[in-house]
Amino acid sequence: MDMRRRSVYAIMVCLDSDNDDWLYITERTQRCMDLRPVLFALEEDAENYAITWRLEGKAEMVKVVNYGD
């Protein structure tokens, strides 16, 4: 039995680079406090979705991360 965890990827957006303040892009839910990150099984899919959040000249403010690390 393979006991290795599969990687899951999420997207983070920087709110304040001076304070290294990042938040996850979350799913739309019925309650504002029910925050669930948008997760991807493949890093490539996460990168493709992250493109929609990247602004010209500020691409470094959006990153794909291994969720759960």
PDB file of N, CA and C in Angstrom:
ATOM      1  N   MET A   1       0.843  -1.191   0.000  1.00  0.00           N
ATOM      2  CA  MET A   1       0.000   0.000   0.000  1.00  0.00           C
ATOM      3  C   MET A   1       0.881   1.245   0.000  1.00  0.00           C
ATOM      4  N   ASP A   2       0.596   2.186  -0.886  1.00  0.00           N
ATOM      5  CA  ASP A   2       1.369   3.424  -1.002  1.00  0.00           C
ATOM      6  C   ASP A   2       0.874   4.424   0.041  1.00  0.00           C
ATOM      7  N   MET A   3       1.734   4.759   1.017  1.00  0.00           N
ATOM      8  CA  MET A   3       1.331   5.630   2.124  1.00  0.00           C
ATOM      9  C   MET A   3       1.683   7.096   1.872  1.00  0.00           C
ATOM     10  N   ARG A   4       2.278   7.394   0.731  1.00  0.00           N
ATOM     11  CA  ARG A   4       2.626   8.788   0.429  1.00  0.00           C
ATOM     12  C   ARG A   4       1.383   9.608   0.170  1.00  0.00           C
ATOM     13  N   ARG A   5       1.402  10.841   0.687  1.00  0.00           N
ATOM     14  CA  ARG A   5       0.291  11.759   0.436  1.00  0.00           C
ATOM     15  C   ARG A   5       0.409  12.331  -0.956  1.00  0.00           C
ATOM     16  N   ARG A   6      -0.713  12.541  -1.573  1.00  0.00           N
ATOM     17  CA  ARG A   6      -0.721  13.227  -2.865  1.00  0.00           C
ATOM     18  C   ARG A   6      -0.696  14.716  -2.603  1.00  0.00           C
ATOM     19  N   SER A   7       0.008  15.426  -3.418  1.00  0.00           N
ATOM     20  CA  SER A   7       0.053  16.875  -3.286  1.00  0.00           C
ATOM     21  C   SER A   7      -1.261  17.478  -3.744  1.00  0.00           C
ATOM     22  N   VAL A   8      -1.657  18.526  -3.061  1.00  0.00           N
ATOM     23  CA  VAL A   8      -2.820  19.315  -3.425  1.00  0.00           C
ATOM     24  C   VAL A   8      -2.349  20.757  -3.465  1.00  0.00           C
ATOM     25  N   TYR A   9      -2.812  21.509  -4.452  1.00  0.00           N
ATOM     26  CA  TYR A   9      -2.319  22.865  -4.666  1.00  0.00           C
ATOM     27  C   TYR A   9      -3.412  23.896  -4.459  1.00  0.00           C
ATOM     28  N   ALA A  10      -2.999  25.052  -3.966  1.00  0.00           N
ATOM     29  CA  ALA A  10      -3.903  26.178  -3.743  1.00  0.00           C
ATOM     30  C   ALA A  10      -3.230  27.438  -4.275  1.00  0.00           C
ATOM     31  N   ILE A  11      -4.004  28.502  -4.360  1.00  0.00           N
ATOM     32  CA  ILE A  11      -3.494  29.792  -4.844  1.00  0.00           C
ATOM     33  C   ILE A  11      -3.563  30.799  -3.715  1.00  0.00           C
ATOM     34  N   MET A  12      -2.477  31.537  -3.561  1.00  0.00           N
ATOM     35  CA  MET A  12      -2.431  32.585  -2.549  1.00  0.00           C
ATOM     36  C   MET A  12      -2.170  33.933  -3.223  1.00  0.00           C
ATOM     37  N   VAL A  13      -2.768  34.984  -2.641  1.00  0.00           N
ATOM     38  CA  VAL A  13      -2.607  36.352  -3.135  1.00  0.00           C
ATOM     39  C   VAL A  13      -2.017  37.180  -2.002  1.00  0.00           C
ATOM     40  N   CYS A  14      -1.037  37.992  -2.323  1.00  0.00           N
ATOM     41  CA  CYS A  14      -0.387  38.838  -1.328  1.00  0.00           C
ATOM     42  C   CYS A  14      -1.204  40.109  -1.102  1.00  0.00           C
ATOM     43  N   LEU A  15      -1.541  40.365   0.150  1.00  0.00           N
ATOM     44  CA  LEU A  15      -2.264  41.588   0.516  1.00  0.00           C
ATOM     45  C   LEU A  15      -1.314  42.709   0.881  1.00  0.00           C
ATOM     46  N   ASP A  16      -0.193  42.343   1.508  1.00  0.00           N
ATOM     47  CA  ASP A  16       0.768  43.341   1.990  1.00  0.00           C
ATOM     48  C   ASP A  16       2.155  42.728   1.951  1.00  0.00           C
ATOM     49  N   SER A  17       2.929  43.076   0.941  1.00  0.00           N
ATOM     50  CA  SER A  17       4.250  42.470   0.784  1.00  0.00           C
ATOM     51  C   SER A  17       5.223  42.912   1.877  1.00  0.00           C
ATOM     52  N   ASP A  18       5.023  44.078   2.452  1.00  0.00           N
ATOM     53  CA  ASP A  18       5.907  44.532   3.535  1.00  0.00           C
ATOM     54  C   ASP A  18       5.786  43.643   4.771  1.00  0.00           C
ATOM     55  N   ASN A  19       4.598  43.099   4.987  1.00  0.00           N
ATOM     56  CA  ASN A  19       4.362  42.245   6.156  1.00  0.00           C
ATOM     57  C   ASN A  19       4.229  40.769   5.794  1.00  0.00           C
ATOM     58  N   ASP A  20       4.529  40.422   4.542  1.00  0.00           N
ATOM     59  CA  ASP A  20       4.421  39.038   4.077  1.00  0.00           C
ATOM     60  C   ASP A  20       3.036  38.474   4.414  1.00  0.00           C
ATOM     61  N   ASP A  21       2.001  39.230   4.069  1.00  0.00           N
ATOM     62  CA  ASP A  21       0.611  38.907   4.399  1.00  0.00           C
ATOM     63  C   ASP A  21      -0.093  38.316   3.173  1.00  0.00           C
ATOM     64  N   TRP A  22      -0.411  37.029   3.227  1.00  0.00           N
ATOM     65  CA  TRP A  22      -1.005  36.295   2.115  1.00  0.00           C
ATOM     66  C   TRP A  22      -2.333  35.673   2.531  1.00  0.00           C
ATOM     67  N   LEU A  23      -3.248  35.506   1.556  1.00  0.00           N
ATOM     68  CA  LEU A  23      -4.470  34.763   1.825  1.00  0.00           C
ATOM     69  C   LEU A  23      -4.764  33.838   0.664  1.00  0.00           C
ATOM     70  N   TYR A  24      -5.518  32.769   0.984  1.00  0.00           N
ATOM     71  CA  TYR A  24      -5.900  31.798  -0.033  1.00  0.00           C
ATOM     72  C   TYR A  24      -7.089  32.313  -0.839  1.00  0.00           C
ATOM     73  N   ILE A  25      -7.117  31.976  -2.119  1.00  0.00           N
ATOM     74  CA  ILE A  25      -8.316  32.172  -2.931  1.00  0.00           C
ATOM     75  C   ILE A  25      -9.297  31.105  -2.466  1.00  0.00           C
ATOM     76  N   THR A  26     -10.519  31.517  -2.133  1.00  0.00           N
ATOM     77  CA  THR A  26     -11.481  30.576  -1.562  1.00  0.00           C
ATOM     78  C   THR A  26     -12.679  30.359  -2.477  1.00  0.00           C
ATOM     79  N   GLU A  27     -13.367  29.256  -2.212  1.00  0.00           N
ATOM     80  CA  GLU A  27     -14.593  28.930  -2.931  1.00  0.00           C
ATOM     81  C   GLU A  27     -15.712  29.851  -2.465  1.00  0.00           C
ATOM     82  N   ARG A  28     -16.686  30.054  -3.314  1.00  0.00           N
ATOM     83  CA  ARG A  28     -17.889  30.787  -2.917  1.00  0.00           C
ATOM     84  C   ARG A  28     -18.753  29.835  -2.095  1.00  0.00           C
ATOM     85  N   THR A  29     -19.111  30.266  -0.900  1.00  0.00           N
ATOM     86  CA  THR A  29     -19.971  29.472  -0.016  1.00  0.00           C
ATOM     87  C   THR A  29     -21.162  30.323   0.411  1.00  0.00           C
ATOM     88  N   GLN A  30     -22.067  29.720   1.126  1.00  0.00           N
ATOM     89  CA  GLN A  30     -23.261  30.425   1.583  1.00  0.00           C
ATOM     90  C   GLN A  30     -22.978  31.346   2.773  1.00  0.00           C
ATOM     91  N   ARG A  31     -21.896  31.106   3.490  1.00  0.00           N
ATOM     92  CA  ARG A  31     -21.564  31.907   4.677  1.00  0.00           C
ATOM     93  C   ARG A  31     -20.169  32.497   4.539  1.00  0.00           C
ATOM     94  N   CYS A  32     -20.042  33.741   4.911  1.00  0.00           N
ATOM     95  CA  CYS A  32     -18.757  34.425   4.735  1.00  0.00           C
ATOM     96  C   CYS A  32     -17.652  33.841   5.620  1.00  0.00           C
ATOM     97  N   MET A  33     -18.005  33.193   6.719  1.00  0.00           N
ATOM     98  CA  MET A  33     -16.989  32.616   7.598  1.00  0.00           C
ATOM     99  C   MET A  33     -16.698  31.150   7.278  1.00  0.00           C
ATOM    100  N   ASP A  34     -17.366  30.609   6.285  1.00  0.00           N
ATOM    101  CA  ASP A  34     -17.142  29.234   5.853  1.00  0.00           C
ATOM    102  C   ASP A  34     -16.132  29.255   4.706  1.00  0.00           C
ATOM    103  N   LEU A  35     -14.894  29.545   5.042  1.00  0.00           N
ATOM    104  CA  LEU A  35     -13.856  29.725   4.030  1.00  0.00           C
ATOM    105  C   LEU A  35     -13.195  28.394   3.696  1.00  0.00           C
ATOM    106  N   ARG A  36     -13.208  28.059   2.402  1.00  0.00           N
ATOM    107  CA  ARG A  36     -12.576  26.844   1.914  1.00  0.00           C
ATOM    108  C   ARG A  36     -11.703  27.201   0.718  1.00  0.00           C
ATOM    109  N   PRO A  37     -10.416  26.923   0.796  1.00  0.00           N
ATOM    110  CA  PRO A  37      -9.550  27.237  -0.341  1.00  0.00           C
ATOM    111  C   PRO A  37      -9.960  26.461  -1.591  1.00  0.00           C
ATOM    112  N   VAL A  38      -9.801  27.093  -2.734  1.00  0.00           N
ATOM    113  CA  VAL A  38      -9.962  26.394  -4.008  1.00  0.00           C
ATOM    114  C   VAL A  38      -8.741  25.490  -4.144  1.00  0.00           C
ATOM    115  N   LEU A  39      -8.971  24.190  -4.295  1.00  0.00           N
ATOM    116  CA  LEU A  39      -7.868  23.222  -4.342  1.00  0.00           C
ATOM    117  C   LEU A  39      -7.819  22.530  -5.698  1.00  0.00           C
ATOM    118  N   PHE A  40      -6.604  22.166  -6.074  1.00  0.00           N
ATOM    119  CA  PHE A  40      -6.345  21.523  -7.363  1.00  0.00           C
ATOM    120  C   PHE A  40      -5.478  20.286  -7.153  1.00  0.00           C
ATOM    121  N   ALA A  41      -5.804  19.220  -7.843  1.00  0.00           N
ATOM    122  CA  ALA A  41      -5.005  17.997  -7.768  1.00  0.00           C
ATOM    123  C   ALA A  41      -3.709  18.141  -8.558  1.00  0.00           C
ATOM    124  N   LEU A  42      -3.741  18.950  -9.614  1.00  0.00           N
ATOM    125  CA  LEU A  42      -2.567  19.126 -10.463  1.00  0.00           C
ATOM    126  C   LEU A  42      -2.034  20.552 -10.354  1.00  0.00           C
ATOM    127  N   GLU A  43      -0.734  20.665 -10.217  1.00  0.00           N
ATOM    128  CA  GLU A  43      -0.112  21.988 -10.138  1.00  0.00           C
ATOM    129  C   GLU A  43      -0.380  22.796 -11.406  1.00  0.00           C
ATOM    130  N   GLU A  44      -0.381  22.138 -12.541  1.00  0.00           N
ATOM    131  CA  GLU A  44      -0.639  22.818 -13.813  1.00  0.00           C
ATOM    132  C   GLU A  44      -2.027  23.470 -13.826  1.00  0.00           C
ATOM    133  N   ASP A  45      -3.026  22.771 -13.296  1.00  0.00           N
ATOM    134  CA  ASP A  45      -4.372  23.344 -13.224  1.00  0.00           C
ATOM    135  C   ASP A  45      -4.398  24.568 -12.311  1.00  0.00           C
ATOM    136  N   ALA A  46      -3.692  24.487 -11.198  1.00  0.00           N
ATOM    137  CA  ALA A  46      -3.614  25.628 -10.278  1.00  0.00           C
ATOM    138  C   ALA A  46      -2.928  26.808 -10.955  1.00  0.00           C
ATOM    139  N   GLU A  47      -1.859  26.550 -11.681  1.00  0.00           N
ATOM    140  CA  GLU A  47      -1.148  27.626 -12.386  1.00  0.00           C
ATOM    141  C   GLU A  47      -2.051  28.270 -13.442  1.00  0.00           C
ATOM    142  N   ASN A  48      -2.808  27.462 -14.145  1.00  0.00           N
ATOM    143  CA  ASN A  48      -3.722  28.008 -15.153  1.00  0.00           C
ATOM    144  C   ASN A  48      -4.791  28.883 -14.517  1.00  0.00           C
ATOM    145  N   TYR A  49      -5.320  28.475 -13.382  1.00  0.00           N
ATOM    146  CA  TYR A  49      -6.329  29.276 -12.682  1.00  0.00           C
ATOM    147  C   TYR A  49      -5.698  30.544 -12.094  1.00  0.00           C
ATOM    148  N   ALA A  50      -4.477  30.436 -11.624  1.00  0.00           N
ATOM    149  CA  ALA A  50      -3.779  31.583 -11.027  1.00  0.00           C
ATOM    150  C   ALA A  50      -3.572  32.709 -12.043  1.00  0.00           C
ATOM    151  N   ILE A  51      -3.474  32.370 -13.307  1.00  0.00           N
ATOM    152  CA  ILE A  51      -3.294  33.381 -14.358  1.00  0.00           C
ATOM    153  C   ILE A  51      -4.391  34.434 -14.284  1.00  0.00           C
ATOM    154  N   THR A  52      -5.608  34.012 -13.941  1.00  0.00           N
ATOM    155  CA  THR A  52      -6.730  34.957 -13.888  1.00  0.00           C
ATOM    156  C   THR A  52      -6.579  35.970 -12.761  1.00  0.00           C
ATOM    157  N   TRP A  53      -5.722  35.691 -11.795  1.00  0.00           N
ATOM    158  CA  TRP A  53      -5.519  36.594 -10.656  1.00  0.00           C
ATOM    159  C   TRP A  53      -4.265  37.453 -10.810  1.00  0.00           C
ATOM    160  N   ARG A  54      -3.417  37.133 -11.758  1.00  0.00           N
ATOM    161  CA  ARG A  54      -2.148  37.852 -11.904  1.00  0.00           C
ATOM    162  C   ARG A  54      -2.330  39.114 -12.735  1.00  0.00           C
ATOM    163  N   LEU A  55      -1.851  40.230 -12.191  1.00  0.00           N
ATOM    164  CA  LEU A  55      -1.907  41.509 -12.881  1.00  0.00           C
ATOM    165  C   LEU A  55      -0.557  41.805 -13.505  1.00  0.00           C
ATOM    166  N   GLU A  56      -0.589  42.448 -14.645  1.00  0.00           N
ATOM    167  CA  GLU A  56       0.647  42.807 -15.320  1.00  0.00           C
ATOM    168  C   GLU A  56       1.502  43.668 -14.397  1.00  0.00           C
ATOM    169  N   GLY A  57       2.754  43.301 -14.265  1.00  0.00           N
ATOM    170  CA  GLY A  57       3.677  44.032 -13.411  1.00  0.00           C
ATOM    171  C   GLY A  57       3.613  43.643 -11.945  1.00  0.00           C
ATOM    172  N   LYS A  58       2.661  42.760 -11.587  1.00  0.00           N
ATOM    173  CA  LYS A  58       2.521  42.340 -10.191  1.00  0.00           C
ATOM    174  C   LYS A  58       2.327  40.822 -10.087  1.00  0.00           C
ATOM    175  N   ALA A  59       2.852  40.101 -11.034  1.00  0.00           N
ATOM    176  CA  ALA A  59       2.652  38.647 -11.077  1.00  0.00           C
ATOM    177  C   ALA A  59       3.193  37.960  -9.828  1.00  0.00           C
ATOM    178  N   GLU A  60       4.200  38.543  -9.201  1.00  0.00           N
ATOM    179  CA  GLU A  60       4.796  37.937  -8.008  1.00  0.00           C
ATOM    180  C   GLU A  60       3.861  38.000  -6.795  1.00  0.00           C
ATOM    181  N   MET A  61       2.761  38.721  -6.928  1.00  0.00           N
ATOM    182  CA  MET A  61       1.801  38.862  -5.827  1.00  0.00           C
ATOM    183  C   MET A  61       0.804  37.694  -5.777  1.00  0.00           C
ATOM    184  N   VAL A  62       0.924  36.762  -6.714  1.00  0.00           N
ATOM    185  CA  VAL A  62       0.069  35.580  -6.757  1.00  0.00           C
ATOM    186  C   VAL A  62       0.973  34.366  -6.881  1.00  0.00           C
ATOM    187  N   LYS A  63       0.736  33.374  -6.030  1.00  0.00           N
ATOM    188  CA  LYS A  63       1.570  32.179  -6.098  1.00  0.00           C
ATOM    189  C   LYS A  63       0.749  30.908  -5.886  1.00  0.00           C
ATOM    190  N   VAL A  64       1.209  29.832  -6.488  1.00  0.00           N
ATOM    191  CA  VAL A  64       0.630  28.513  -6.285  1.00  0.00           C
ATOM    192  C   VAL A  64       1.467  27.829  -5.211  1.00  0.00           C
ATOM    193  N   VAL A  65       0.770  27.258  -4.219  1.00  0.00           N
ATOM    194  CA  VAL A  65       1.466  26.617  -3.106  1.00  0.00           C
ATOM    195  C   VAL A  65       0.965  25.190  -2.925  1.00  0.00           C
ATOM    196  N   ASN A  66       1.805  24.371  -2.318  1.00  0.00           N
ATOM    197  CA  ASN A  66       1.425  23.031  -1.945  1.00  0.00           C
ATOM    198  C   ASN A  66       0.610  23.159  -0.666  1.00  0.00           C
ATOM    199  N   TYR A  67      -0.670  22.900  -0.730  1.00  0.00           N
ATOM    200  CA  TYR A  67      -1.583  23.105   0.398  1.00  0.00           C
ATOM    201  C   TYR A  67      -1.384  22.000   1.425  1.00  0.00           C
ATOM    202  N   GLY A  68      -1.224  22.399   2.654  1.00  0.00           N
ATOM    203  CA  GLY A  68      -1.049  21.433   3.734  1.00  0.00           C
ATOM    204  C   GLY A  68       0.377  21.320   4.208  1.00  0.00           C
ATOM    205  N   ASP A  69       1.292  21.931   3.497  1.00  0.00           N
ATOM    206  CA  ASP A  69       2.699  21.933   3.948  1.00  0.00           C
ATOM    207  C   ASP A  69       2.897  22.930   5.059  1.00  0.00           C
TER     208      ASP A  69
END
